[in-house]
């Protein structure tokens, strides 16, 4: 495996990582859609339940109306029959049946009144839920459209990456691609790792034998880590140069800072020396003045 091939495999792995991230991003849209749509979906479910319940109550109301109408007709016929009875026994039988039908009619009418009230309340509830659902839908729609646009863009990005990956992989050695795909597998684990400066695997940090290190840095043989099995490759020269340049720049800054500190120290020493000289001169002048004063007094 040449250094160019190693670089190609590392670039392929970078593409695979970007593809994996793009797929994760697309999957992340599902919970976002659920979060945005959840309030409206809850209202929609509640509205559907209320509509079904209202439908059932109206069907029950119609059933009671038909039953009530039948009982009224039966009461009417029994009243007519009661007027044409011929003996007390027949009269007692018709009267008992009439009383029973009247009680059943009364119960149905009371139940119908309660049901009518429930239907009225159910219709009001459905109207309230419809209005609330419309408001929630109006709020959800812009957010949903924005998410759909973002997801569509993410799908396009993934498609471009997959096409780029397919074209890139076609230029690599088929056998090395087979090894790469076998290592990477479906778990999206690392298949290629760079050798660290101290000669360790960049994936598991296990020490690589010196002979293998030299082969990885200068040879053409495909070397895999004995510990974790990844394909080992030398670090990119550009990356090392960048790191060395950064370290050199940091060293220059530190040297400049030290030089500045030394210059400040020298300036402070010079200032102290000047102050000391001035103090000595002042003391000498004071002594001379004292001697002159003494001579004048003796005279």
C-alpha atoms as a PDB file:
ATOM      1  CA  UNK A   1       0.000   0.000   0.000  1.00  0.00           C
ATOM      2  CA  UNK A   2       1.641   3.294  -1.116  1.00  0.00           C
ATOM      3  CA  UNK A   3       1.565   6.532   0.810  1.00  0.00           C
ATOM      4  CA  UNK A   4      -0.871   7.882  -1.798  1.00  0.00           C
ATOM      5  CA  UNK A   5      -3.213   4.959  -1.158  1.00  0.00           C
ATOM      6  CA  UNK A   6      -3.023   5.524   2.579  1.00  0.00           C
ATOM      7  CA  UNK A   7      -3.919   9.155   2.054  1.00  0.00           C
ATOM      8  CA  UNK A   8      -6.801   8.030  -0.151  1.00  0.00           C
ATOM      9  CA  UNK A   9      -8.114   5.665   2.517  1.00  0.00           C
ATOM     10  CA  UNK A  10      -7.922   8.407   5.130  1.00  0.00           C
ATOM     11  CA  UNK A  11      -9.826  10.747   2.838  1.00  0.00           C
ATOM     12  CA  UNK A  12     -12.372   7.999   2.198  1.00  0.00           C
ATOM     13  CA  UNK A  13     -12.813   7.577   5.938  1.00  0.00           C
ATOM     14  CA  UNK A  14     -13.395  11.321   6.302  1.00  0.00           C
ATOM     15  CA  UNK A  15     -16.085  11.059   3.623  1.00  0.00           C
ATOM     16  CA  UNK A  16     -17.675   8.107   5.412  1.00  0.00           C
ATOM     17  CA  UNK A  17     -17.721  10.075   8.661  1.00  0.00           C
ATOM     18  CA  UNK A  18     -19.426  12.983   6.898  1.00  0.00           C
ATOM     19  CA  UNK A  19     -21.951  10.579   5.354  1.00  0.00           C
ATOM     20  CA  UNK A  20     -22.627   9.052   8.772  1.00  0.00           C
ATOM     21  CA  UNK A  21     -23.155  12.526  10.263  1.00  0.00           C
ATOM     22  CA  UNK A  22     -25.478  13.462   7.378  1.00  0.00           C
ATOM     23  CA  UNK A  23     -27.583  10.345   7.956  1.00  0.00           C
ATOM     24  CA  UNK A  24     -27.741  11.067  11.671  1.00  0.00           C
ATOM     25  CA  UNK A  25     -28.864  14.598  10.886  1.00  0.00           C
ATOM     26  CA  UNK A  26     -31.680  13.289   8.675  1.00  0.00           C
ATOM     27  CA  UNK A  27     -32.781  10.846  11.387  1.00  0.00           C
ATOM     28  CA  UNK A  28     -32.804  13.676  13.917  1.00  0.00           C
ATOM     29  CA  UNK A  29     -35.608  15.347  11.970  1.00  0.00           C
ATOM     30  CA  UNK A  30     -38.110  12.636  12.994  1.00  0.00           C
ATOM     31  CA  UNK A  31     -38.275  13.626  16.691  1.00  0.00           C
ATOM     32  CA  UNK A  32     -38.346  17.289  15.647  1.00  0.00           C
ATOM     33  CA  UNK A  33     -41.400  16.649  13.480  1.00  0.00           C
ATOM     34  CA  UNK A  34     -43.033  14.756  16.342  1.00  0.00           C
ATOM     35  CA  UNK A  35     -42.339  17.604  18.747  1.00  0.00           C
ATOM     36  CA  UNK A  36     -43.784  20.209  16.373  1.00  0.00           C
ATOM     37  CA  UNK A  37     -46.841  18.155  15.426  1.00  0.00           C
ATOM     38  CA  UNK A  38     -47.587  16.695  18.869  1.00  0.00           C
ATOM     39  CA  UNK A  39     -49.926  19.472  20.161  1.00  0.00           C
ATOM     40  CA  UNK A  40     -51.995  19.431  16.961  1.00  0.00           C
ATOM     41  CA  UNK A  41     -52.026  15.622  16.870  1.00  0.00           C
ATOM     42  CA  UNK A  42     -53.302  15.457  20.448  1.00  0.00           C
ATOM     43  CA  UNK A  43     -56.070  17.915  19.610  1.00  0.00           C
ATOM     44  CA  UNK A  44     -56.892  16.034  16.423  1.00  0.00           C
ATOM     45  CA  UNK A  45     -57.193  12.766  18.352  1.00  0.00           C
ATOM     46  CA  UNK A  46     -59.389  14.389  20.988  1.00  0.00           C
ATOM     47  CA  UNK A  47     -61.521  15.985  18.282  1.00  0.00           C
ATOM     48  CA  UNK A  48     -61.958  12.645  16.517  1.00  0.00           C
ATOM     49  CA  UNK A  49     -62.968  10.981  19.788  1.00  0.00           C
ATOM     50  CA  UNK A  50     -65.512  13.729  20.518  1.00  0.00           C
ATOM     51  CA  UNK A  51     -66.962  13.486  17.021  1.00  0.00           C
ATOM     52  CA  UNK A  52     -67.365   9.724  17.327  1.00  0.00           C
ATOM     53  CA  UNK A  53     -68.993  10.085  20.728  1.00  0.00           C
ATOM     54  CA  UNK A  54     -71.352  12.758  19.374  1.00  0.00           C
ATOM     55  CA  UNK A  55     -72.214  10.511  16.459  1.00  0.00           C
ATOM     56  CA  UNK A  56     -73.053   7.659  18.841  1.00  0.00           C
ATOM     57  CA  UNK A  57     -75.214   9.927  21.018  1.00  0.00           C
ATOM     58  CA  UNK A  58     -77.166  11.167  18.005  1.00  0.00           C
ATOM     59  CA  UNK A  59     -77.745   7.592  16.881  1.00  0.00           C
ATOM     60  CA  UNK A  60     -78.996   6.752  20.386  1.00  0.00           C
ATOM     61  CA  UNK A  61     -81.203   9.836  20.302  1.00  0.00           C
ATOM     62  CA  UNK A  62     -82.815   8.691  17.048  1.00  0.00           C
ATOM     63  CA  UNK A  63     -83.343   5.208  18.490  1.00  0.00           C
ATOM     64  CA  UNK A  64     -85.072   6.664  21.550  1.00  0.00           C
ATOM     65  CA  UNK A  65     -87.255   8.875  19.367  1.00  0.00           C
ATOM     66  CA  UNK A  66     -88.401   5.872  17.359  1.00  0.00           C
ATOM     67  CA  UNK A  67     -89.042   3.863  20.532  1.00  0.00           C
ATOM     68  CA  UNK A  68     -90.934   6.744  22.112  1.00  0.00           C
ATOM     69  CA  UNK A  69     -93.088   7.184  19.036  1.00  0.00           C
ATOM     70  CA  UNK A  70     -93.905   3.465  18.999  1.00  0.00           C
ATOM     71  CA  UNK A  71     -94.886   3.552  22.678  1.00  0.00           C
ATOM     72  CA  UNK A  72     -97.133   6.552  22.104  1.00  0.00           C
ATOM     73  CA  UNK A  73     -98.916   4.698  19.330  1.00  0.00           C
ATOM     74  CA  UNK A  74     -99.256   1.678  21.588  1.00  0.00           C
ATOM     75  CA  UNK A  75    -100.701   3.798  24.397  1.00  0.00           C
ATOM     76  CA  UNK A  76    -103.210   5.218  21.937  1.00  0.00           C
ATOM     77  CA  UNK A  77    -104.292   1.761  20.779  1.00  0.00           C
ATOM     78  CA  UNK A  78    -104.575   0.489  24.352  1.00  0.00           C
ATOM     79  CA  UNK A  79    -106.740   3.490  25.280  1.00  0.00           C
ATOM     80  CA  UNK A  80    -109.041   2.685  22.388  1.00  0.00           C
ATOM     81  CA  UNK A  81    -109.089  -0.968  23.344  1.00  0.00           C
ATOM     82  CA  UNK A  82    -109.833  -0.117  26.957  1.00  0.00           C
ATOM     83  CA  UNK A  83    -112.964   1.695  25.827  1.00  0.00           C
ATOM     84  CA  UNK A  84    -114.283  -1.426  24.096  1.00  0.00           C
ATOM     85  CA  UNK A  85    -113.706  -4.068  26.802  1.00  0.00           C
ATOM     86  CA  UNK A  86    -116.655  -6.347  27.628  1.00  0.00           C
ATOM     87  CA  UNK A  87    -115.786  -7.595  31.096  1.00  0.00           C
ATOM     88  CA  UNK A  88    -113.781  -6.696  34.176  1.00  0.00           C
ATOM     89  CA  UNK A  89    -111.131  -9.311  33.554  1.00  0.00           C
ATOM     90  CA  UNK A  90    -110.333  -7.954  30.096  1.00  0.00           C
ATOM     91  CA  UNK A  91    -110.414  -4.413  31.461  1.00  0.00           C
ATOM     92  CA  UNK A  92    -107.904  -5.277  34.189  1.00  0.00           C
ATOM     93  CA  UNK A  93    -105.547  -6.893  31.679  1.00  0.00           C
ATOM     94  CA  UNK A  94    -105.692  -3.950  29.277  1.00  0.00           C
ATOM     95  CA  UNK A  95    -105.276  -1.438  32.116  1.00  0.00           C
ATOM     96  CA  UNK A  96    -102.182  -3.256  33.441  1.00  0.00           C
ATOM     97  CA  UNK A  97    -100.605  -3.343  29.998  1.00  0.00           C
ATOM     98  CA  UNK A  98    -101.443   0.315  29.427  1.00  0.00           C
ATOM     99  CA  UNK A  99     -99.851   1.315  32.737  1.00  0.00           C
ATOM    100  CA  UNK A 100     -96.695  -0.625  31.916  1.00  0.00           C
ATOM    101  CA  UNK A 101     -96.372   1.004  28.489  1.00  0.00           C
ATOM    102  CA  UNK A 102     -96.946   4.464  29.956  1.00  0.00           C
ATOM    103  CA  UNK A 103     -94.163   3.942  32.521  1.00  0.00           C
ATOM    104  CA  UNK A 104     -91.802   2.752  29.765  1.00  0.00           C
ATOM    105  CA  UNK A 105     -92.768   5.777  27.663  1.00  0.00           C
ATOM    106  CA  UNK A 106     -92.091   8.092  30.583  1.00  0.00           C
ATOM    107  CA  UNK A 107     -88.659   6.549  31.155  1.00  0.00           C
ATOM    108  CA  UNK A 108     -87.793   6.853  27.469  1.00  0.00           C
ATOM    109  CA  UNK A 109     -88.867  10.497  27.412  1.00  0.00           C
ATOM    110  CA  UNK A 110     -86.717  11.299  30.464  1.00  0.00           C
ATOM    111  CA  UNK A 111     -83.745   9.492  28.949  1.00  0.00           C
ATOM    112  CA  UNK A 112     -84.306  11.308  25.668  1.00  0.00           C
ATOM    113  CA  UNK A 113     -84.273  14.680  27.460  1.00  0.00           C
ATOM    114  CA  UNK A 114     -80.965  13.831  29.143  1.00  0.00           C
ATOM    115  CA  UNK A 115     -79.534  12.643  25.858  1.00  0.00           C
ATOM    116  CA  UNK A 116     -80.633  15.808  24.079  1.00  0.00           C
ATOM    117  CA  UNK A 117     -78.718  17.839  26.682  1.00  0.00           C
ATOM    118  CA  UNK A 118     -75.648  15.632  26.247  1.00  0.00           C
ATOM    119  CA  UNK A 119     -75.833  16.031  22.473  1.00  0.00           C
ATOM    120  CA  UNK A 120     -75.974  19.806  22.858  1.00  0.00           C
ATOM    121  CA  UNK A 121     -72.913  19.808  25.110  1.00  0.00           C
ATOM    122  CA  UNK A 122     -71.142  17.404  22.756  1.00  0.00           C
ATOM    123  CA  UNK A 123     -71.761  19.701  19.797  1.00  0.00           C
ATOM    124  CA  UNK A 124     -70.382  22.651  21.763  1.00  0.00           C
ATOM    125  CA  UNK A 125     -67.298  20.638  22.708  1.00  0.00           C
ATOM    126  CA  UNK A 126     -66.706  19.608  19.104  1.00  0.00           C
ATOM    127  CA  UNK A 127     -67.002  23.231  17.970  1.00  0.00           C
ATOM    128  CA  UNK A 128     -64.460  24.343  20.594  1.00  0.00           C
ATOM    129  CA  UNK A 129     -62.024  21.599  19.646  1.00  0.00           C
ATOM    130  CA  UNK A 130     -62.367  22.389  15.939  1.00  0.00           C
ATOM    131  CA  UNK A 131     -61.489  26.034  16.571  1.00  0.00           C
ATOM    132  CA  UNK A 132     -58.539  25.117  18.805  1.00  0.00           C
ATOM    133  CA  UNK A 133     -57.319  22.543  16.301  1.00  0.00           C
ATOM    134  CA  UNK A 134     -57.429  25.089  13.477  1.00  0.00           C
ATOM    135  CA  UNK A 135     -55.358  27.539  15.537  1.00  0.00           C
ATOM    136  CA  UNK A 136     -52.814  24.843  16.408  1.00  0.00           C
ATOM    137  CA  UNK A 137     -52.594  23.746  12.766  1.00  0.00           C
ATOM    138  CA  UNK A 138     -51.923  27.313  11.656  1.00  0.00           C
ATOM    139  CA  UNK A 139     -49.053  27.534  14.149  1.00  0.00           C
ATOM    140  CA  UNK A 140     -47.626  24.146  13.207  1.00  0.00           C
ATOM    141  CA  UNK A 141     -47.692  24.572   9.435  1.00  0.00           C
ATOM    142  CA  UNK A 142     -44.865  27.180   9.112  1.00  0.00           C
ATOM    143  CA  UNK A 143     -42.602  25.196  11.455  1.00  0.00           C
ATOM    144  CA  UNK A 144     -43.365  22.007   9.587  1.00  0.00           C
ATOM    145  CA  UNK A 145     -42.591  23.613   6.224  1.00  0.00           C
ATOM    146  CA  UNK A 146     -39.258  24.905   7.555  1.00  0.00           C
ATOM    147  CA  UNK A 147     -38.328  21.456   8.852  1.00  0.00           C
ATOM    148  CA  UNK A 148     -39.325  19.858   5.550  1.00  0.00           C
ATOM    149  CA  UNK A 149     -37.108  22.305   3.663  1.00  0.00           C
ATOM    150  CA  UNK A 150     -34.173  21.639   5.997  1.00  0.00           C
ATOM    151  CA  UNK A 151     -34.617  17.881   5.699  1.00  0.00           C
ATOM    152  CA  UNK A 152     -34.809  18.104   1.911  1.00  0.00           C
ATOM    153  CA  UNK A 153     -31.556  20.066   1.920  1.00  0.00           C
ATOM    154  CA  UNK A 154     -29.942  17.466   4.192  1.00  0.00           C
ATOM    155  CA  UNK A 155     -31.085  14.668   1.863  1.00  0.00           C
ATOM    156  CA  UNK A 156     -29.525  16.482  -1.105  1.00  0.00           C
ATOM    157  CA  UNK A 157     -26.255  16.907   0.807  1.00  0.00           C
ATOM    158  CA  UNK A 158     -26.239  13.201   1.653  1.00  0.00           C
ATOM    159  CA  UNK A 159     -26.867  12.285  -1.986  1.00  0.00           C
ATOM    160  CA  UNK A 160     -23.925  14.426  -3.111  1.00  0.00           C
ATOM    161  CA  UNK A 161     -21.646  12.900  -0.477  1.00  0.00           C
ATOM    162  CA  UNK A 162     -22.624   9.355  -1.438  1.00  0.00           C
ATOM    163  CA  UNK A 163     -21.956  10.060  -5.123  1.00  0.00           C
ATOM    164  CA  UNK A 164     -18.610  11.610  -4.247  1.00  0.00           C
ATOM    165  CA  UNK A 165     -17.773   8.583  -2.113  1.00  0.00           C
ATOM    166  CA  UNK A 166     -18.703   6.182  -4.905  1.00  0.00           C
ATOM    167  CA  UNK A 167     -16.491   8.007  -7.408  1.00  0.00           C
ATOM    168  CA  UNK A 168     -13.623   8.268  -4.930  1.00  0.00           C
ATOM    169  CA  UNK A 169     -13.785   4.580  -3.955  1.00  0.00           C
ATOM    170  CA  UNK A 170     -13.704   3.548  -7.620  1.00  0.00           C
ATOM    171  CA  UNK A 171     -10.177   4.992  -7.900  1.00  0.00           C
ATOM    172  CA  UNK A 172      -8.797   2.952  -4.983  1.00  0.00           C
ATOM    173  CA  UNK A 173      -7.441  -0.589  -5.039  1.00  0.00           C
ATOM    174  CA  UNK A 174     -10.348  -3.099  -4.850  1.00  0.00           C
ATOM    175  CA  UNK A 175      -8.522  -5.402  -2.415  1.00  0.00           C
ATOM    176  CA  UNK A 176      -7.701  -2.533  -0.082  1.00  0.00           C
ATOM    177  CA  UNK A 177     -11.288  -1.353  -0.340  1.00  0.00           C
ATOM    178  CA  UNK A 178     -12.445  -4.832   0.646  1.00  0.00           C
ATOM    179  CA  UNK A 179     -10.211  -4.749   3.726  1.00  0.00           C
ATOM    180  CA  UNK A 180     -11.322  -1.210   4.547  1.00  0.00           C
ATOM    181  CA  UNK A 181     -15.036  -2.069   4.278  1.00  0.00           C
ATOM    182  CA  UNK A 182     -14.569  -5.267   6.284  1.00  0.00           C
ATOM    183  CA  UNK A 183     -12.910  -3.363   9.135  1.00  0.00           C
ATOM    184  CA  UNK A 184     -15.365  -0.485   9.100  1.00  0.00           C
ATOM    185  CA  UNK A 185     -18.443  -2.723   8.813  1.00  0.00           C
ATOM    186  CA  UNK A 186     -21.905  -1.438   9.692  1.00  0.00           C
ATOM    187  CA  UNK A 187     -20.855  -0.178  13.105  1.00  0.00           C
ATOM    188  CA  UNK A 188     -19.085   2.835  11.576  1.00  0.00           C
ATOM    189  CA  UNK A 189     -15.887   2.047  13.513  1.00  0.00           C
ATOM    190  CA  UNK A 190     -12.562   3.559  12.452  1.00  0.00           C
ATOM    191  CA  UNK A 191     -10.815   1.637   9.669  1.00  0.00           C
ATOM    192  CA  UNK A 192      -7.703   3.827   9.286  1.00  0.00           C
ATOM    193  CA  UNK A 193      -5.674   5.418  12.072  1.00  0.00           C
ATOM    194  CA  UNK A 194      -2.529   7.538  11.943  1.00  0.00           C
ATOM    195  CA  UNK A 195       0.653   6.559  13.707  1.00  0.00           C
ATOM    196  CA  UNK A 196       1.372   8.909  16.612  1.00  0.00           C
ATOM    197  CA  UNK A 197       4.742  10.637  17.073  1.00  0.00           C
ATOM    198  CA  UNK A 198       5.754   8.161  19.770  1.00  0.00           C
ATOM    199  CA  UNK A 199       4.922   5.183  17.545  1.00  0.00           C
ATOM    200  CA  UNK A 200       1.494   4.217  18.873  1.00  0.00           C
ATOM    201  CA  UNK A 201      -1.752   3.335  17.086  1.00  0.00           C
ATOM    202  CA  UNK A 202      -3.945   6.411  16.813  1.00  0.00           C
ATOM    203  CA  UNK A 203      -7.052   4.309  17.489  1.00  0.00           C
ATOM    204  CA  UNK A 204      -6.208   2.123  20.496  1.00  0.00           C
ATOM    205  CA  UNK A 205      -2.840   3.778  21.408  1.00  0.00           C
ATOM    206  CA  UNK A 206      -1.084   0.425  21.511  1.00  0.00           C
ATOM    207  CA  UNK A 207       2.654   0.599  20.765  1.00  0.00           C
ATOM    208  CA  UNK A 208       3.574  -0.495  17.219  1.00  0.00           C
ATOM    209  CA  UNK A 209       6.859  -2.437  16.693  1.00  0.00           C
ATOM    210  CA  UNK A 210       9.710  -0.306  15.299  1.00  0.00           C
ATOM    211  CA  UNK A 211       9.995  -2.389  12.134  1.00  0.00           C
ATOM    212  CA  UNK A 212       6.313  -1.807  11.421  1.00  0.00           C
ATOM    213  CA  UNK A 213       6.686   1.894  12.204  1.00  0.00           C
ATOM    214  CA  UNK A 214       9.408   2.265   9.562  1.00  0.00           C
ATOM    215  CA  UNK A 215       7.347   0.301   7.046  1.00  0.00           C
ATOM    216  CA  UNK A 216       4.291   2.469   7.742  1.00  0.00           C
ATOM    217  CA  UNK A 217       6.254   5.709   7.337  1.00  0.00           C
ATOM    218  CA  UNK A 218       8.389   4.734   4.351  1.00  0.00           C
ATOM    219  CA  UNK A 219       7.194   1.405   2.896  1.00  0.00           C
ATOM    220  CA  UNK A 220       4.373   0.196   0.681  1.00  0.00           C
ATOM    221  CA  UNK A 221       3.057  -2.735   2.737  1.00  0.00           C
ATOM    222  CA  UNK A 222      -0.387  -2.512   4.303  1.00  0.00           C
ATOM    223  CA  UNK A 223       0.156  -2.751   8.058  1.00  0.00           C
ATOM    224  CA  UNK A 224      -2.668  -3.303  10.524  1.00  0.00           C
ATOM    225  CA  UNK A 225      -2.609  -2.735  14.266  1.00  0.00           C
ATOM    226  CA  UNK A 226      -2.025  -6.022  16.065  1.00  0.00           C
ATOM    227  CA  UNK A 227      -4.277  -4.891  18.932  1.00  0.00           C
ATOM    228  CA  UNK A 228      -7.370  -3.370  17.281  1.00  0.00           C
ATOM    229  CA  UNK A 229      -6.926  -4.350  13.610  1.00  0.00           C
ATOM    230  CA  UNK A 230      -7.200  -0.916  11.971  1.00  0.00           C
ATOM    231  CA  UNK A 231      -5.065   0.049   8.972  1.00  0.00           C
ATOM    232  CA  UNK A 232      -2.126   2.147  10.151  1.00  0.00           C
ATOM    233  CA  UNK A 233      -0.921   5.151   8.158  1.00  0.00           C
ATOM    234  CA  UNK A 234       1.690   7.850   8.615  1.00  0.00           C
ATOM    235  CA  UNK A 235       0.533  11.297   9.678  1.00  0.00           C
ATOM    236  CA  UNK A 236       0.075  13.850   6.899  1.00  0.00           C
ATOM    237  CA  UNK A 237       3.204  16.012   6.440  1.00  0.00           C
ATOM    238  CA  UNK A 238       1.063  19.138   6.164  1.00  0.00           C
ATOM    239  CA  UNK A 239      -0.476  18.472   9.563  1.00  0.00           C
ATOM    240  CA  UNK A 240       2.944  17.927  11.141  1.00  0.00           C
ATOM    241  CA  UNK A 241       4.252  21.091   9.495  1.00  0.00           C
ATOM    242  CA  UNK A 242       1.294  23.002  10.835  1.00  0.00           C
ATOM    243  CA  UNK A 243       1.869  21.696  14.334  1.00  0.00           C
ATOM    244  CA  UNK A 244       5.621  22.433  14.163  1.00  0.00           C
ATOM    245  CA  UNK A 245       4.896  25.905  12.818  1.00  0.00           C
ATOM    246  CA  UNK A 246       2.513  26.514  15.690  1.00  0.00           C
ATOM    247  CA  UNK A 247       5.086  25.345  18.213  1.00  0.00           C
ATOM    248  CA  UNK A 248       7.790  27.524  16.595  1.00  0.00           C
ATOM    249  CA  UNK A 249       5.493  30.541  16.657  1.00  0.00           C
ATOM    250  CA  UNK A 250       4.737  29.889  20.297  1.00  0.00           C
ATOM    251  CA  UNK A 251       8.505  29.642  20.974  1.00  0.00           C
ATOM    252  CA  UNK A 252       9.142  32.950  19.200  1.00  0.00           C
ATOM    253  CA  UNK A 253       6.451  34.623  21.255  1.00  0.00           C
ATOM    254  CA  UNK A 254       7.953  33.229  24.453  1.00  0.00           C
ATOM    255  CA  UNK A 255      11.472  34.374  23.422  1.00  0.00           C
ATOM    256  CA  UNK A 256      10.197  37.833  22.595  1.00  0.00           C
ATOM    257  CA  UNK A 257       8.446  37.996  25.937  1.00  0.00           C
ATOM    258  CA  UNK A 258      11.652  36.960  27.756  1.00  0.00           C
ATOM    259  CA  UNK A 259      13.650  39.561  25.824  1.00  0.00           C
ATOM    260  CA  UNK A 260      11.124  42.207  26.761  1.00  0.00           C
ATOM    261  CA  UNK A 261      11.345  41.194  30.410  1.00  0.00           C
ATOM    262  CA  UNK A 262      15.180  41.403  30.325  1.00  0.00           C
ATOM    263  CA  UNK A 263      15.023  44.856  28.730  1.00  0.00           C
ATOM    264  CA  UNK A 264      12.602  46.058  31.394  1.00  0.00           C
ATOM    265  CA  UNK A 265      14.922  44.684  34.087  1.00  0.00           C
ATOM    266  CA  UNK A 266      17.946  46.469  32.615  1.00  0.00           C
ATOM    267  CA  UNK A 267      16.026  49.731  32.442  1.00  0.00           C
ATOM    268  CA  UNK A 268      15.009  49.392  36.080  1.00  0.00           C
ATOM    269  CA  UNK A 269      18.655  48.701  37.114  1.00  0.00           C
ATOM    270  CA  UNK A 270      19.851  51.761  35.195  1.00  0.00           C
ATOM    271  CA  UNK A 271      17.189  53.882  36.849  1.00  0.00           C
ATOM    272  CA  UNK A 272      18.228  52.619  40.287  1.00  0.00           C
ATOM    273  CA  UNK A 273      21.893  53.401  39.497  1.00  0.00           C
ATOM    274  CA  UNK A 274      21.030  56.979  38.487  1.00  0.00           C
ATOM    275  CA  UNK A 275      19.039  57.440  41.658  1.00  0.00           C
ATOM    276  CA  UNK A 276      22.010  56.143  43.676  1.00  0.00           C
ATOM    277  CA  UNK A 277      24.476  58.552  42.010  1.00  0.00           C
ATOM    278  CA  UNK A 278      22.188  61.478  42.608  1.00  0.00           C
ATOM    279  CA  UNK A 279      21.910  60.565  46.274  1.00  0.00           C
ATOM    280  CA  UNK A 280      25.733  60.418  46.672  1.00  0.00           C
ATOM    281  CA  UNK A 281      26.167  63.817  45.004  1.00  0.00           C
ATOM    282  CA  UNK A 282      23.548  65.356  47.272  1.00  0.00           C
ATOM    283  CA  UNK A 283      25.267  63.936  50.365  1.00  0.00           C
ATOM    284  CA  UNK A 284      28.704  65.289  49.289  1.00  0.00           C
ATOM    285  CA  UNK A 285      27.275  68.727  48.664  1.00  0.00           C
ATOM    286  CA  UNK A 286      25.695  68.742  52.096  1.00  0.00           C
ATOM    287  CA  UNK A 287      29.004  67.810  53.806  1.00  0.00           C
ATOM    288  CA  UNK A 288      30.860  70.562  51.913  1.00  0.00           C
ATOM    289  CA  UNK A 289      28.338  73.149  53.001  1.00  0.00           C
ATOM    290  CA  UNK A 290      28.720  72.077  56.627  1.00  0.00           C
ATOM    291  CA  UNK A 291      32.533  72.464  56.502  1.00  0.00           C
ATOM    292  CA  UNK A 292      32.301  75.994  55.064  1.00  0.00           C
ATOM    293  CA  UNK A 293      29.948  76.993  57.844  1.00  0.00           C
ATOM    294  CA  UNK A 294      32.423  75.754  60.472  1.00  0.00           C
ATOM    295  CA  UNK A 295      35.310  77.773  59.023  1.00  0.00           C
ATOM    296  CA  UNK A 296      33.261  80.972  59.082  1.00  0.00           C
ATOM    297  CA  UNK A 297      32.479  80.536  62.777  1.00  0.00           C
ATOM    298  CA  UNK A 298      36.180  80.079  63.711  1.00  0.00           C
ATOM    299  CA  UNK A 299      37.105  83.322  62.016  1.00  0.00           C
END
